[in-house]
């Protein structure tokens, strides 16, 4: 029993389309992970800057009050 060439080509096209879709999905997931990591890093950096600013203001206030 043999399978017609057109059936093989149809199966190959479907398989290739599914593979391409999977690769695109992986790329999108990677991009989202990278974006999330970048946002986390930015938020952490911002928090550290705010802590330094607060600490500096607190130190200045303590000096002004004589502590």
N, C-alpha and C. Protein backbone atom coordinates (compact mmCIF):
# COMPACT_ATOMS: atom_id res chain seq x y z
N UNK A 1 0.85 -1.18 0.00
CA UNK A 1 0.00 0.00 0.00
C UNK A 1 0.90 1.24 0.00
N UNK A 2 0.69 2.12 -0.91
CA UNK A 2 1.50 3.33 -1.02
C UNK A 2 0.63 4.55 -0.77
N UNK A 3 1.31 5.59 -0.32
CA UNK A 3 0.63 6.84 -0.02
C UNK A 3 0.95 7.82 -1.16
N UNK A 4 -0.04 8.51 -1.64
CA UNK A 4 0.22 9.46 -2.73
C UNK A 4 1.16 10.59 -2.28
N UNK A 5 1.92 11.10 -3.23
CA UNK A 5 2.86 12.18 -2.96
C UNK A 5 2.16 13.41 -2.39
N UNK A 6 0.96 13.69 -2.87
CA UNK A 6 0.24 14.86 -2.39
C UNK A 6 -0.10 14.73 -0.91
N UNK A 7 -0.39 13.54 -0.46
CA UNK A 7 -0.69 13.32 0.96
C UNK A 7 0.56 13.54 1.80
N UNK A 8 1.69 13.09 1.30
CA UNK A 8 2.96 13.29 2.01
C UNK A 8 3.29 14.77 2.09
N UNK A 9 3.13 15.48 0.97
CA UNK A 9 3.41 16.92 0.96
C UNK A 9 2.48 17.66 1.91
N UNK A 10 1.23 17.30 1.95
CA UNK A 10 0.27 17.94 2.85
C UNK A 10 0.68 17.73 4.30
N UNK A 11 1.10 16.52 4.64
CA UNK A 11 1.53 16.22 6.01
C UNK A 11 2.79 17.00 6.35
N UNK A 12 3.71 17.10 5.38
CA UNK A 12 4.95 17.84 5.63
C UNK A 12 4.67 19.32 5.83
N UNK A 13 3.79 19.88 5.05
CA UNK A 13 3.44 21.30 5.18
C UNK A 13 2.80 21.56 6.53
N UNK A 14 1.91 20.68 6.94
CA UNK A 14 1.25 20.84 8.24
C UNK A 14 2.27 20.74 9.37
N UNK A 15 3.19 19.79 9.25
CA UNK A 15 4.23 19.61 10.27
C UNK A 15 5.15 20.83 10.32
N UNK A 16 5.52 21.35 9.17
CA UNK A 16 6.39 22.52 9.11
C UNK A 16 5.69 23.74 9.69
N UNK A 17 4.41 23.89 9.42
CA UNK A 17 3.66 25.03 9.96
C UNK A 17 3.58 24.93 11.48
N UNK A 18 3.35 23.74 11.99
CA UNK A 18 3.28 23.56 13.44
C UNK A 18 4.64 23.83 14.08
N UNK A 19 5.70 23.40 13.43
CA UNK A 19 7.05 23.65 13.95
C UNK A 19 7.37 25.14 13.96
N UNK A 20 7.02 25.84 12.89
CA UNK A 20 7.25 27.29 12.82
C UNK A 20 6.46 28.02 13.89
N UNK A 21 5.23 27.58 14.11
CA UNK A 21 4.39 28.21 15.14
C UNK A 21 5.00 27.99 16.52
N UNK A 22 5.52 26.80 16.76
CA UNK A 22 6.14 26.49 18.05
C UNK A 22 7.39 27.35 18.27
N UNK A 23 8.19 27.52 17.23
CA UNK A 23 9.39 28.35 17.34
C UNK A 23 9.02 29.80 17.61
N UNK A 24 7.98 30.29 16.94
CA UNK A 24 7.54 31.67 17.17
C UNK A 24 7.04 31.84 18.60
N UNK A 25 6.35 30.84 19.10
CA UNK A 25 5.85 30.90 20.46
C UNK A 25 7.01 30.92 21.46
N UNK A 26 8.03 30.11 21.22
CA UNK A 26 9.20 30.10 22.10
C UNK A 26 9.91 31.44 22.09
N UNK A 27 10.05 32.03 20.92
CA UNK A 27 10.70 33.35 20.82
C UNK A 27 9.91 34.39 21.59
N UNK A 28 8.59 34.33 21.48
CA UNK A 28 7.74 35.29 22.18
C UNK A 28 7.87 35.11 23.69
N UNK A 29 7.89 33.87 24.15
CA UNK A 29 8.05 33.60 25.58
C UNK A 29 9.40 34.09 26.08
N UNK A 30 10.45 33.87 25.30
CA UNK A 30 11.78 34.35 25.68
C UNK A 30 11.80 35.87 25.78
N UNK A 31 11.18 36.53 24.81
CA UNK A 31 11.14 37.99 24.81
C UNK A 31 10.38 38.50 26.04
N UNK A 32 9.30 37.84 26.39
CA UNK A 32 8.52 38.25 27.58
C UNK A 32 9.33 38.04 28.85
N UNK A 33 10.07 36.93 28.92
CA UNK A 33 10.92 36.69 30.11
C UNK A 33 12.00 37.75 30.23
N UNK A 34 12.63 38.08 29.10
CA UNK A 34 13.68 39.10 29.12
C UNK A 34 13.11 40.45 29.53
N UNK A 35 11.93 40.78 29.03
CA UNK A 35 11.30 42.06 29.38
C UNK A 35 10.97 42.09 30.87
N UNK A 36 10.45 40.99 31.38
CA UNK A 36 10.12 40.92 32.80
C UNK A 36 11.37 41.06 33.66
N UNK A 37 12.46 40.41 33.24
CA UNK A 37 13.71 40.52 33.99
C UNK A 37 14.23 41.95 33.96
N UNK A 38 14.12 42.60 32.80
CA UNK A 38 14.58 43.98 32.69
C UNK A 38 13.74 44.90 33.58
N UNK A 39 12.44 44.69 33.61
CA UNK A 39 11.57 45.50 34.47
C UNK A 39 11.88 45.27 35.94
N UNK A 40 12.13 44.01 36.30
CA UNK A 40 12.49 43.72 37.69
C UNK A 40 13.79 44.41 38.08
N UNK A 41 14.78 44.37 37.18
CA UNK A 41 16.06 45.02 37.45
C UNK A 41 15.88 46.52 37.59
N UNK A 42 15.07 47.11 36.74
CA UNK A 42 14.82 48.55 36.79
C UNK A 42 14.11 48.92 38.09
N UNK A 43 13.14 48.11 38.49
CA UNK A 43 12.41 48.37 39.72
C UNK A 43 13.35 48.26 40.93
N UNK A 44 14.21 47.27 40.92
CA UNK A 44 15.16 47.09 42.01
C UNK A 44 16.13 48.28 42.09
N UNK A 45 16.58 48.72 40.93
CA UNK A 45 17.50 49.87 40.88
C UNK A 45 16.80 51.13 41.40
N UNK A 46 15.54 51.30 41.02
CA UNK A 46 14.77 52.45 41.47
C UNK A 46 14.56 52.41 42.99
N UNK A 47 14.25 51.23 43.51
CA UNK A 47 14.06 51.07 44.95
C UNK A 47 15.35 51.40 45.71
N UNK A 48 16.48 50.93 45.19
CA UNK A 48 17.76 51.23 45.84
C UNK A 48 18.05 52.72 45.83
N UNK A 49 17.74 53.39 44.73
CA UNK A 49 17.96 54.83 44.64
C UNK A 49 17.07 55.57 45.65
N UNK A 50 15.82 55.12 45.78
CA UNK A 50 14.92 55.75 46.74
C UNK A 50 15.41 55.53 48.17
N UNK A 51 15.92 54.34 48.46
CA UNK A 51 16.45 54.06 49.79
C UNK A 51 17.64 54.96 50.10
N UNK A 52 18.53 55.13 49.12
CA UNK A 52 19.69 56.01 49.32
C UNK A 52 19.25 57.44 49.56
N UNK A 53 18.26 57.88 48.77
CA UNK A 53 17.76 59.24 48.91
C UNK A 53 17.13 59.43 50.29
N UNK A 54 16.35 58.47 50.72
CA UNK A 54 15.72 58.54 52.03
C UNK A 54 16.77 58.56 53.13
N UNK A 55 17.76 57.68 53.01
CA UNK A 55 18.82 57.59 54.01
C UNK A 55 19.59 58.93 54.09
N UNK A 56 19.86 59.50 52.91
CA UNK A 56 20.57 60.77 52.89
C UNK A 56 19.72 61.87 53.56
N UNK A 57 18.44 61.89 53.27
CA UNK A 57 17.54 62.87 53.88
C UNK A 57 17.42 62.65 55.38
N UNK A 58 17.38 61.40 55.78
CA UNK A 58 17.29 61.07 57.20
C UNK A 58 18.57 61.50 57.93
N UNK A 59 19.72 61.24 57.32
CA UNK A 59 20.98 61.64 57.92
C UNK A 59 21.06 63.16 58.07
N UNK A 60 20.59 63.89 57.06
CA UNK A 60 20.59 65.34 57.11
C UNK A 60 19.67 65.86 58.20
N UNK A 61 18.52 65.22 58.34
CA UNK A 61 17.57 65.62 59.37
C UNK A 61 18.14 65.34 60.77
N UNK A 62 18.79 64.20 60.93
CA UNK A 62 19.39 63.86 62.23
C UNK A 62 20.49 64.88 62.59
N UNK A 63 21.28 65.26 61.60
CA UNK A 63 22.33 66.28 61.86
C UNK A 63 21.71 67.59 62.25
N UNK A 64 20.63 67.97 61.56
CA UNK A 64 19.96 69.24 61.85
C UNK A 64 19.35 69.23 63.24
N UNK A 65 18.88 68.08 63.68
CA UNK A 65 18.26 67.99 65.00
C UNK A 65 19.27 67.68 66.10
N UNK A 66 20.49 67.38 65.70
CA UNK A 66 21.55 67.17 66.67
C UNK A 66 21.63 65.74 67.19
N UNK A 67 21.21 64.77 66.41
CA UNK A 67 21.32 63.37 66.86
C UNK A 67 22.62 62.78 66.46
